[in-house]
Amino acid sequence: MPRLAFYDLDGTLVSSNVVTQYAYFVRNYPDRFTGACRLMKLVASVPVLIGLDLYSRRLFNEVFYREYRGMRREWLDGSAAGLFERVIQPAIYPGAREMVAADRAAGFETVLVTGSLDFCLAPVVAHFGFDHTICNSIEFAGGCATGRITPPLIAEHEKVAAIKRVVASRGADAAECKAYSDSMSDLPMLESVGHPAAVNPGRRLRRIAEQRRWPILDLK
């Protein structure tokens, strides 16, 4: 029977996040004036985005990904390597790659579970060697992003539903699977497997992990 290990990305394996990914795209936007306007709008919206994220990660994603509206798919795909080299790779926590490799060596299939967008992730998947990827995909029409997420939107309880689908498709037992996350919003994800671990947890998640005697890992 296969065993699976599920990994959140932002805050768990890397210190960057979906906002810094978007900021890279707008800083390098082909039309400099449009890119500068998008960047100023992003900076001005930070307090609102923080509030949305605290209230609901799902709602945050729905609102935030609207900012991609009008960006061309071809350009976004072509920018993924630069995004990884300049933003994501420098933000990878020490020991993160080794943690994933250790699970693989122990016989686990490794699965990235993230709210990031698919066109950002190919270099990440290659770097860590993930076997499977669960992520968000944005809709495109005529080659341009609409700003809408293709269902299902991967966040909160939908992460659990996606994990269950992968577990079922691989004929695995969730009780024998692992999950790693730093975020309180991923508590349902951690609870969905038999071997959860809190990685770089905030105060609330750390307290729960201590109460439940889950492993607590600090990769920072």
Protein backbone atom coordinates (compact mmCIF):
# COMPACT_ATOMS: atom_id res chain seq x y z
CA MET A 1 0.00 0.00 0.00
CA PRO A 2 1.49 3.39 -0.96
CA ARG A 3 2.14 6.03 1.67
CA LEU A 4 1.85 9.72 0.89
CA ALA A 5 3.41 12.83 2.41
CA PHE A 6 1.65 16.16 1.80
CA TYR A 7 3.47 19.50 2.03
CA ASP A 8 2.16 23.04 2.18
CA LEU A 9 4.50 25.50 0.44
CA ASP A 10 4.28 29.09 1.72
CA GLY A 11 5.66 29.40 5.24
CA THR A 12 6.34 25.66 5.40
CA LEU A 13 9.02 25.03 2.79
CA VAL A 14 9.66 28.63 1.72
CA SER A 15 9.40 32.06 3.31
CA SER A 16 7.93 33.60 0.14
CA ASN A 17 4.21 33.55 -0.66
CA VAL A 18 1.63 34.23 -3.36
CA VAL A 19 1.93 37.99 -2.82
CA THR A 20 5.69 38.04 -3.42
CA GLN A 21 5.12 35.87 -6.50
CA TYR A 22 2.66 38.39 -7.91
CA ALA A 23 4.96 41.27 -6.98
CA TYR A 24 7.70 39.68 -9.10
CA PHE A 25 5.39 39.53 -12.10
CA VAL A 26 4.32 43.17 -11.84
CA ARG A 27 7.87 44.42 -11.26
CA ASN A 28 8.89 42.68 -14.49
CA TYR A 29 5.74 43.40 -16.48
CA PRO A 30 6.39 44.09 -20.20
CA ASP A 31 4.48 47.38 -20.03
CA ARG A 32 6.40 49.28 -17.35
CA PHE A 33 3.69 51.85 -16.73
CA THR A 34 1.02 49.17 -16.25
CA GLY A 35 3.38 47.18 -14.06
CA ALA A 36 4.10 50.22 -11.88
CA CYS A 37 0.39 50.89 -11.49
CA ARG A 38 -0.25 47.28 -10.53
CA LEU A 39 2.57 47.40 -8.00
CA MET A 40 1.26 50.60 -6.40
CA LYS A 41 -2.19 49.06 -6.18
CA LEU A 42 -0.70 45.98 -4.53
CA VAL A 43 1.17 48.03 -1.93
CA ALA A 44 -1.94 50.05 -1.12
CA SER A 45 -4.03 46.89 -0.72
CA VAL A 46 -1.70 45.12 1.74
CA PRO A 47 -3.73 45.99 4.90
CA VAL A 48 -6.92 44.72 3.26
CA LEU A 49 -5.19 41.54 2.09
CA ILE A 50 -3.87 40.86 5.59
CA GLY A 51 -7.38 41.24 7.01
CA LEU A 52 -8.85 38.94 4.35
CA ASP A 53 -6.22 36.28 5.02
CA LEU A 54 -6.91 36.36 8.76
CA TYR A 55 -10.64 36.03 8.09
CA SER A 56 -10.57 33.38 5.35
CA ARG A 57 -7.76 32.00 3.21
CA ARG A 58 -10.33 31.00 0.61
CA LEU A 59 -11.75 34.52 0.38
CA PHE A 60 -8.25 35.94 0.24
CA ASN A 61 -7.45 33.77 -2.78
CA GLU A 62 -10.69 34.68 -4.54
CA VAL A 63 -10.02 38.40 -4.14
CA PHE A 64 -6.25 38.42 -4.60
CA TYR A 65 -6.09 36.37 -7.80
CA ARG A 66 -8.34 38.90 -9.53
CA GLU A 67 -5.20 41.03 -9.77
CA TYR A 68 -3.89 38.69 -12.49
CA ARG A 69 -6.72 39.73 -14.78
CA GLY A 70 -5.40 40.66 -18.24
CA MET A 71 -1.97 39.01 -17.88
CA ARG A 72 -1.07 36.75 -20.80
CA ARG A 73 -0.56 33.03 -20.20
CA GLU A 74 2.44 32.80 -22.51
CA TRP A 75 4.29 35.54 -20.63
CA LEU A 76 3.42 34.11 -17.20
CA ASP A 77 4.65 30.65 -18.23
CA GLY A 78 7.85 32.15 -19.59
CA SER A 79 8.48 34.08 -16.37
CA ALA A 80 8.32 31.02 -14.08
CA ALA A 81 12.05 30.28 -14.23
CA GLY A 82 12.95 33.85 -13.29
CA LEU A 83 10.40 33.81 -10.47
CA PHE A 84 11.98 30.68 -9.04
CA GLU A 85 15.54 31.91 -9.41
CA ARG A 86 14.98 35.37 -7.94
CA VAL A 87 12.14 34.93 -5.45
CA ILE A 88 11.37 31.34 -4.50
CA GLN A 89 14.74 29.58 -4.44
CA PRO A 90 16.41 32.18 -2.18
CA ALA A 91 13.44 31.83 0.18
CA ILE A 92 13.64 28.04 0.59
CA TYR A 93 14.17 27.19 4.25
CA PRO A 94 17.36 25.35 5.22
CA GLY A 95 16.57 21.66 5.47
CA ALA A 96 13.29 21.87 3.54
CA ARG A 97 14.56 19.97 0.52
CA GLU A 98 16.26 17.42 2.77
CA MET A 99 13.00 16.88 4.69
CA VAL A 100 11.16 16.03 1.49
CA ALA A 101 14.02 13.82 0.31
CA ALA A 102 14.01 11.93 3.62
CA ASP A 103 10.33 11.08 3.23
CA ARG A 104 10.94 9.94 -0.33
CA ALA A 105 13.84 7.75 0.83
CA ALA A 106 11.51 6.27 3.48
CA GLY A 107 9.12 5.18 0.72
CA PHE A 108 6.59 8.02 0.72
CA GLU A 109 5.18 9.54 -2.43
CA THR A 110 5.56 13.29 -2.04
CA VAL A 111 2.69 15.67 -2.80
CA LEU A 112 2.83 19.48 -2.94
CA VAL A 113 -0.46 21.01 -1.71
CA THR A 114 -0.54 24.76 -2.24
CA GLY A 115 -2.78 27.66 -3.04
CA SER A 116 -0.16 28.97 -5.49
CA LEU A 117 -0.95 29.05 -9.19
CA ASP A 118 0.14 26.24 -11.48
CA PHE A 119 2.29 28.35 -13.82
CA CYS A 120 4.52 29.35 -10.86
CA LEU A 121 5.31 25.82 -9.76
CA ALA A 122 7.13 23.77 -12.41
CA PRO A 123 10.62 24.81 -11.16
CA VAL A 124 9.52 24.25 -7.55
CA VAL A 125 8.29 20.74 -8.33
CA ALA A 126 11.52 19.94 -10.17
CA HIS A 127 13.69 21.31 -7.34
CA PHE A 128 12.00 19.27 -4.62
CA GLY A 129 11.18 16.28 -6.82
CA PHE A 130 7.51 16.12 -5.89
CA ASP A 131 5.60 13.15 -7.29
CA HIS A 132 2.23 14.91 -7.38
CA THR A 133 0.97 18.50 -7.21
CA ILE A 134 -2.30 19.95 -5.91
CA CYS A 135 -2.60 23.66 -6.67
CA ASN A 136 -4.81 26.42 -8.02
CA SER A 137 -5.31 27.19 -11.69
CA ILE A 138 -6.52 30.53 -12.98
CA GLU A 139 -8.93 30.73 -15.92
CA PHE A 140 -7.75 32.11 -19.25
CA ALA A 141 -9.79 33.43 -22.15
CA GLY A 142 -8.11 34.31 -25.43
CA GLY A 143 -4.74 33.73 -23.77
CA CYS A 144 -5.40 36.29 -21.00
CA ALA A 145 -6.17 35.66 -17.33
CA THR A 146 -9.75 36.34 -16.30
CA GLY A 147 -8.88 36.62 -12.60
CA ARG A 148 -11.17 33.71 -11.73
CA ILE A 149 -9.93 30.44 -10.23
CA THR A 150 -10.82 27.20 -11.97
CA PRO A 151 -12.81 25.14 -9.43
CA PRO A 152 -12.02 23.73 -7.00
CA LEU A 153 -10.23 26.57 -5.22
CA ILE A 154 -7.50 24.95 -3.12
CA ALA A 155 -7.74 26.40 0.38
CA GLU A 156 -8.86 25.32 3.84
CA HIS A 157 -11.30 22.38 3.68
CA GLU A 158 -10.88 22.00 -0.08
CA LYS A 159 -7.27 21.03 0.62
CA VAL A 160 -8.65 18.16 2.66
CA ALA A 161 -11.02 17.13 -0.13
CA ALA A 162 -8.16 17.20 -2.63
CA ILE A 163 -5.96 15.15 -0.30
CA LYS A 164 -8.72 12.58 0.11
CA ARG A 165 -9.05 12.30 -3.67
CA VAL A 166 -5.34 11.64 -4.07
CA VAL A 167 -5.32 9.15 -1.18
CA ALA A 168 -8.24 7.28 -2.75
CA SER A 169 -6.76 7.35 -6.25
CA ARG A 170 -3.47 5.90 -4.98
CA GLY A 171 -5.17 3.26 -2.84
CA ALA A 172 -3.50 4.64 0.27
CA ASP A 173 -4.60 4.77 3.90
CA ALA A 174 -4.81 8.30 5.31
CA ALA A 175 -3.82 6.96 8.73
CA GLU A 176 -0.43 6.03 7.27
CA CYS A 177 0.11 9.37 5.51
CA LYS A 178 1.96 12.51 6.60
CA ALA A 179 1.16 16.22 6.29
CA TYR A 180 3.26 19.31 6.96
CA SER A 181 2.10 22.91 7.37
CA ASP A 182 2.87 26.12 9.24
CA SER A 183 -0.61 27.63 9.12
CA MET A 184 -3.61 27.49 11.40
CA SER A 185 -5.75 27.62 8.26
CA ASP A 186 -4.29 24.21 7.37
CA LEU A 187 -5.39 22.58 10.61
CA PRO A 188 -8.02 20.50 8.73
CA MET A 189 -5.26 19.31 6.38
CA LEU A 190 -3.10 18.23 9.30
CA GLU A 191 -6.03 16.51 10.97
CA SER A 192 -6.82 14.54 7.80
CA VAL A 193 -3.78 12.26 8.10
CA GLY A 194 -2.35 9.96 10.71
CA HIS A 195 1.03 11.67 10.97
CA PRO A 196 0.79 15.49 10.96
CA ALA A 197 3.68 17.84 11.69
CA ALA A 198 3.63 21.57 12.41
CA VAL A 199 6.46 23.32 10.58
CA ASN A 200 7.47 26.84 11.63
CA PRO A 201 4.07 27.14 13.33
CA GLY A 202 2.47 30.29 14.64
CA ARG A 203 1.47 30.51 18.28
CA ARG A 204 -2.01 28.98 17.89
CA LEU A 205 -0.89 26.04 15.76
CA ARG A 206 2.10 25.44 18.02
CA ARG A 207 -0.18 25.26 21.05
CA ILE A 208 -2.44 22.72 19.33
CA ALA A 209 0.56 20.67 18.17
CA GLU A 210 1.91 20.60 21.70
CA GLN A 211 -1.46 19.53 23.10
CA ARG A 212 -1.78 16.74 20.54
CA ARG A 213 1.89 15.78 20.71
CA TRP A 214 2.50 16.37 17.03
CA PRO A 215 6.08 16.87 15.86
CA ILE A 216 7.06 20.55 15.69
CA LEU A 217 9.78 21.38 13.17
CA ASP A 218 11.63 24.66 12.87
CA LEU A 219 13.27 25.16 9.49
CA LYS A 220 13.85 28.91 9.78
